[in-house]
C-alpha atoms as a PDB file:
ATOM      1  CA  MET A   1     112.670  85.670  88.939  1.00  0.00           C
ATOM      2  CA  THR A   2     113.593  85.427  85.303  1.00  0.00           C
ATOM      3  CA  THR A   3     112.657  88.437  83.036  1.00  0.00           C
ATOM      4  CA  ASN A   4     113.112  89.279  79.520  1.00  0.00           C
ATOM      5  CA  PRO A   5     116.053  91.760  79.202  1.00  0.00           C
ATOM      6  CA  ASP A   6     113.786  94.165  77.342  1.00  0.00           C
ATOM      7  CA  THR A   7     110.983  94.286  79.934  1.00  0.00           C
ATOM      8  CA  ILE A   8     110.287  97.821  80.982  1.00  0.00           C
ATOM      9  CA  CYS A   9     110.935  98.326  84.752  1.00  0.00           C
ATOM     10  CA  PRO A  10     107.647  98.541  86.740  1.00  0.00           C
ATOM     11  CA  CYS A  11     108.857 101.659  88.627  1.00  0.00           C
ATOM     12  CA  GLY A  12     108.649 103.678  85.408  1.00  0.00           C
ATOM     13  CA  ASN A  13     112.098 105.261  85.753  1.00  0.00           C
ATOM     14  CA  THR A  14     113.599 106.811  82.540  1.00  0.00           C
ATOM     15  CA  LYS A  15     116.926 108.073  81.289  1.00  0.00           C
ATOM     16  CA  ASP A  16     116.796 110.794  78.635  1.00  0.00           C
ATOM     17  CA  ASP A  17     113.015 110.219  78.304  1.00  0.00           C
ATOM     18  CA  THR A  18     113.532 106.606  77.497  1.00  0.00           C
ATOM     19  CA  PRO A  19     112.028 103.953  79.833  1.00  0.00           C
ATOM     20  CA  LEU A  20     114.636 101.921  81.584  1.00  0.00           C
ATOM     21  CA  THR A  21     114.488  98.087  81.420  1.00  0.00           C
ATOM     22  CA  TYR A  22     114.134  96.110  84.630  1.00  0.00           C
ATOM     23  CA  THR A  23     117.666  94.669  84.154  1.00  0.00           C
ATOM     24  CA  ARG A  24     119.088  98.181  83.948  1.00  0.00           C
ATOM     25  CA  CYS A  25     116.952  99.629  86.740  1.00  0.00           C
ATOM     26  CA  CYS A  26     115.707  97.703  89.740  1.00  0.00           C
ATOM     27  CA  GLU A  27     116.911  94.220  89.183  1.00  0.00           C
ATOM     28  CA  PRO A  28     120.433  94.773  90.365  1.00  0.00           C
ATOM     29  CA  PHE A  29     118.943  95.952  93.753  1.00  0.00           C
ATOM     30  CA  HIS A  30     116.601  93.055  93.927  1.00  0.00           C
ATOM     31  CA  LYS A  31     119.368  90.605  93.324  1.00  0.00           C
ATOM     32  CA  GLY A  32     121.747  92.263  95.802  1.00  0.00           C
ATOM     33  CA  LEU A  33     124.239  93.250  93.066  1.00  0.00           C
ATOM     34  CA  ALA A  34     123.994  96.995  93.972  1.00  0.00           C
ATOM     35  CA  LEU A  35     122.569  99.220  96.719  1.00  0.00           C
ATOM     36  CA  ALA A  36     120.078 101.992  95.899  1.00  0.00           C
ATOM     37  CA  PRO A  37     122.012 105.094  95.999  1.00  0.00           C
ATOM     38  CA  THR A  38     119.190 107.488  96.971  1.00  0.00           C
ATOM     39  CA  PRO A  39     115.883 107.352  98.808  1.00  0.00           C
ATOM     40  CA  GLU A  40     114.125 107.771  95.482  1.00  0.00           C
ATOM     41  CA  ALA A  41     115.896 104.858  93.898  1.00  0.00           C
ATOM     42  CA  LEU A  42     115.060 102.755  96.967  1.00  0.00           C
ATOM     43  CA  MET A  43     111.374 103.774  96.797  1.00  0.00           C
ATOM     44  CA  ARG A  44     111.279 102.798  93.092  1.00  0.00           C
ATOM     45  CA  SER A  45     112.919  99.471  93.752  1.00  0.00           C
ATOM     46  CA  ARG A  46     110.479  98.735  96.599  1.00  0.00           C
ATOM     47  CA  TYR A  47     107.520  99.640  94.323  1.00  0.00           C
ATOM     48  CA  SER A  48     108.960  97.206  91.685  1.00  0.00           C
ATOM     49  CA  ALA A  49     109.320  94.624  94.399  1.00  0.00           C
ATOM     50  CA  PHE A  50     105.711  94.858  95.298  1.00  0.00           C
ATOM     51  CA  VAL A  51     104.694  94.499  91.581  1.00  0.00           C
ATOM     52  CA  LEU A  52     107.091  91.495  91.073  1.00  0.00           C
ATOM     53  CA  LYS A  53     106.291  89.999  94.544  1.00  0.00           C
ATOM     54  CA  GLU A  54     109.825  90.242  95.765  1.00  0.00           C
ATOM     55  CA  TYR A  55     108.764  90.235  99.409  1.00  0.00           C
ATOM     56  CA  GLU A  56     112.170  89.286 100.868  1.00  0.00           C
ATOM     57  CA  TYR A  57     113.584  92.429  99.266  1.00  0.00           C
ATOM     58  CA  LEU A  58     110.905  94.480 100.846  1.00  0.00           C
ATOM     59  CA  ILE A  59     111.850  93.154 104.249  1.00  0.00           C
ATOM     60  CA  ALA A  60     115.577  93.525 103.642  1.00  0.00           C
ATOM     61  CA  THR A  61     115.151  97.111 102.770  1.00  0.00           C
ATOM     62  CA  HIS A  62     112.799  98.005 105.687  1.00  0.00           C
ATOM     63  CA  HIS A  63     114.576  99.336 108.804  1.00  0.00           C
ATOM     64  CA  PRO A  64     114.595  96.483 111.404  1.00  0.00           C
ATOM     65  CA  GLU A  65     113.435  98.813 114.161  1.00  0.00           C
ATOM     66  CA  TYR A  66     110.260  99.558 112.206  1.00  0.00           C
ATOM     67  CA  LEU A  67     109.344  96.236 111.010  1.00  0.00           C
ATOM     68  CA  ASP A  68     106.777  95.613 113.848  1.00  0.00           C
ATOM     69  CA  GLY A  69     106.471  91.981 113.118  1.00  0.00           C
ATOM     70  CA  LEU A  70     106.108  92.340 109.327  1.00  0.00           C
ATOM     71  CA  THR A  71     107.405  89.306 107.437  1.00  0.00           C
ATOM     72  CA  ALA A  72     107.776  88.313 103.766  1.00  0.00           C
ATOM     73  CA  GLN A  73     105.087  85.686 104.553  1.00  0.00           C
ATOM     74  CA  LYS A  74     102.637  88.357 105.775  1.00  0.00           C
ATOM     75  CA  LEU A  75     103.261  90.410 102.683  1.00  0.00           C
ATOM     76  CA  SER A  76     102.645  87.516 100.450  1.00  0.00           C
ATOM     77  CA  GLN A  77      99.163  87.018 102.076  1.00  0.00           C
ATOM     78  CA  GLY A  78      98.038  90.528 101.060  1.00  0.00           C
ATOM     79  CA  GLY A  79      95.294  91.081  98.451  1.00  0.00           C
ATOM     80  CA  GLU A  80      95.865  90.583  94.792  1.00  0.00           C
ATOM     81  CA  ALA A  81      96.082  94.228  93.675  1.00  0.00           C
ATOM     82  CA  SER A  82      97.028  94.890  90.026  1.00  0.00           C
ATOM     83  CA  TRP A  83      99.711  97.578  90.170  1.00  0.00           C
ATOM     84  CA  LEU A  84      99.427 100.277  87.415  1.00  0.00           C
ATOM     85  CA  SER A  85     102.107 102.879  87.878  1.00  0.00           C
ATOM     86  CA  LEU A  86     104.168 104.900  90.349  1.00  0.00           C
ATOM     87  CA  ASP A  87     104.282 108.659  90.449  1.00  0.00           C
ATOM     88  CA  ILE A  88     107.134 110.203  92.417  1.00  0.00           C
ATOM     89  CA  LEU A  89     105.753 113.572  93.706  1.00  0.00           C
ATOM     90  CA  SER A  90     108.863 114.722  95.543  1.00  0.00           C
ATOM     91  CA  ALA A  91     112.212 113.277  96.706  1.00  0.00           C
ATOM     92  CA  ARG A  92     114.839 114.820  98.950  1.00  0.00           C
ATOM     93  CA  SER A  93     117.666 113.723 101.220  1.00  0.00           C
ATOM     94  CA  SER A  94     119.891 115.470 103.604  1.00  0.00           C
ATOM     95  CA  GLY A  95     122.766 113.570 105.311  1.00  0.00           C
ATOM     96  CA  GLN A  96     121.490 110.295 106.626  1.00  0.00           C
ATOM     97  CA  SER A  97     117.725 110.891 106.193  1.00  0.00           C
ATOM     98  CA  GLY A  98     115.399 111.243 103.236  1.00  0.00           C
ATOM     99  CA  GLU A  99     111.752 111.557 102.302  1.00  0.00           C
ATOM    100  CA  VAL A 100     109.859 110.483  99.079  1.00  0.00           C
ATOM    101  CA  CYS A 101     106.308 111.406  98.448  1.00  0.00           C
ATOM    102  CA  PHE A 102     104.550 109.268  95.933  1.00  0.00           C
ATOM    103  CA  GLN A 103     101.325 107.778  94.615  1.00  0.00           C
ATOM    104  CA  ALA A 104     101.300 104.101  93.694  1.00  0.00           C
ATOM    105  CA  TRP A 105      98.379 103.353  91.500  1.00  0.00           C
ATOM    106  CA  TYR A 106      96.595 100.047  91.540  1.00  0.00           C
ATOM    107  CA  ARG A 107      93.310  98.331  90.511  1.00  0.00           C
ATOM    108  CA  ASP A 108      91.652  96.209  93.152  1.00  0.00           C
ATOM    109  CA  GLU A 109      88.762  94.248  91.779  1.00  0.00           C
ATOM    110  CA  SER A 110      86.993  96.904  89.605  1.00  0.00           C
ATOM    111  CA  GLU A 111      88.239 100.011  91.509  1.00  0.00           C
ATOM    112  CA  ILE A 112      91.183 102.294  90.732  1.00  0.00           C
ATOM    113  CA  ASP A 113      92.973 103.759  93.766  1.00  0.00           C
ATOM    114  CA  ALA A 114      96.386 104.868  94.939  1.00  0.00           C
ATOM    115  CA  ILE A 115      98.519 104.658  98.021  1.00  0.00           C
ATOM    116  CA  HIS A 116      99.613 108.208  98.596  1.00  0.00           C
ATOM    117  CA  GLU A 117     102.353 108.322 101.049  1.00  0.00           C
ATOM    118  CA  CYS A 118     105.297 110.382 102.288  1.00  0.00           C
ATOM    119  CA  SER A 119     107.953 107.808 103.104  1.00  0.00           C
ATOM    120  CA  GLN A 120     110.858 108.340 105.443  1.00  0.00           C
ATOM    121  CA  PHE A 121     114.307 106.722 104.880  1.00  0.00           C
ATOM    122  CA  GLU A 122     117.417 106.441 106.882  1.00  0.00           C
ATOM    123  CA  CYS A 123     120.961 105.600 105.651  1.00  0.00           C
ATOM    124  CA  VAL A 124     122.510 103.019 107.858  1.00  0.00           C
ATOM    125  CA  ASP A 125     126.086 101.882 107.094  1.00  0.00           C
ATOM    126  CA  GLY A 126     125.829 103.166 103.533  1.00  0.00           C
ATOM    127  CA  ARG A 127     122.429 101.538 102.887  1.00  0.00           C
ATOM    128  CA  TRP A 128     119.134 103.386 102.473  1.00  0.00           C
ATOM    129  CA  LEU A 129     116.251 101.717 104.436  1.00  0.00           C
ATOM    130  CA  TYR A 130     112.555 102.546 104.666  1.00  0.00           C
ATOM    131  CA  THR A 131     111.467 103.446 108.119  1.00  0.00           C
ATOM    132  CA  GLN A 132     107.842 104.634 108.044  1.00  0.00           C
ATOM    133  CA  GLY A 133     105.392 106.617 106.051  1.00  0.00           C
ATOM    134  CA  GLU A 134     102.572 109.082 106.424  1.00  0.00           C
ATOM    135  CA  GLN A 135      99.478 108.181 104.467  1.00  0.00           C
ATOM    136  CA  LYS A 136      97.592 110.856 102.568  1.00  0.00           C
ATOM    137  CA  ALA A 137      94.446 110.914 100.555  1.00  0.00           C
ATOM    138  CA  ALA A 138      94.895 109.776  96.973  1.00  0.00           C
ATOM    139  CA  VAL A 139      94.158 112.395  94.308  1.00  0.00           C
ATOM    140  CA  LEU A 140      92.532 110.744  91.259  1.00  0.00           C
ATOM    141  CA  PRO A 141      93.220 112.288  87.793  1.00  0.00           C
ATOM    142  CA  LYS A 142      90.577 114.474  86.240  1.00  0.00           C
ATOM    143  CA  ARG A 143      88.618 112.921  83.406  1.00  0.00           C
ATOM    144  CA  ASN A 144      90.667 114.440  80.480  1.00  0.00           C
ATOM    145  CA  GLU A 145      94.101 113.835  82.168  1.00  0.00           C
ATOM    146  CA  PRO A 146      96.324 111.066  81.131  1.00  0.00           C
ATOM    147  CA  CYS A 147      95.381 107.624  82.591  1.00  0.00           C
ATOM    148  CA  VAL A 148      97.395 106.321  85.527  1.00  0.00           C
ATOM    149  CA  CYS A 149      98.180 103.036  83.716  1.00  0.00           C
ATOM    150  CA  ASN A 150     100.395 104.913  81.166  1.00  0.00           C
ATOM    151  CA  SER A 151      98.257 103.700  78.262  1.00  0.00           C
ATOM    152  CA  GLY A 152      98.451 107.065  76.579  1.00  0.00           C
ATOM    153  CA  LYS A 153      94.653 107.445  76.705  1.00  0.00           C
ATOM    154  CA  LYS A 154      92.615 109.915  78.777  1.00  0.00           C
ATOM    155  CA  PHE A 155      91.545 108.722  82.222  1.00  0.00           C
ATOM    156  CA  LYS A 156      87.871 108.819  81.199  1.00  0.00           C
ATOM    157  CA  GLN A 157      88.553 106.557  78.165  1.00  0.00           C
ATOM    158  CA  CYS A 158      90.583 104.023  80.092  1.00  0.00           C
ATOM    159  CA  CYS A 159      90.719 103.092  83.741  1.00  0.00           C
ATOM    160  CA  MET A 160      87.893 105.486  84.911  1.00  0.00           C
ATOM    161  CA  ARG A 161      85.385 103.192  83.240  1.00  0.00           C
END
């Protein structure tokens, strides 16, 4: 995939409150030029891979013992959700295991929803891999809270419509 070097990374990561570009954030992971150094970095790169349809990367960063027949082809046959944003709620790691809780916001047809999950990660030979996740109920923003699409508008004036 070719991207403009100034394109903001879909994962929403920042440095000193400045959004990182895709080329300085998740692209090196997607291209195999670097390994995600933490479970949170891997989670962010996997979210960006969903947005950018980098399905081979999703399979490569999924622990093989937990794939359960999942393939890049099966991922590509999923619905056409429009991904809006990623909210990392918590991230921790200890030794060779880690956990990241997040909400990944999307629009599916005319509805706004989120995948709310606490994902488990394992470090194998210096490489963080996704193993499994526990799904939770998504918590939609209140009417006057910022919109999940990062437009800067209130939720009621934007995606809630």
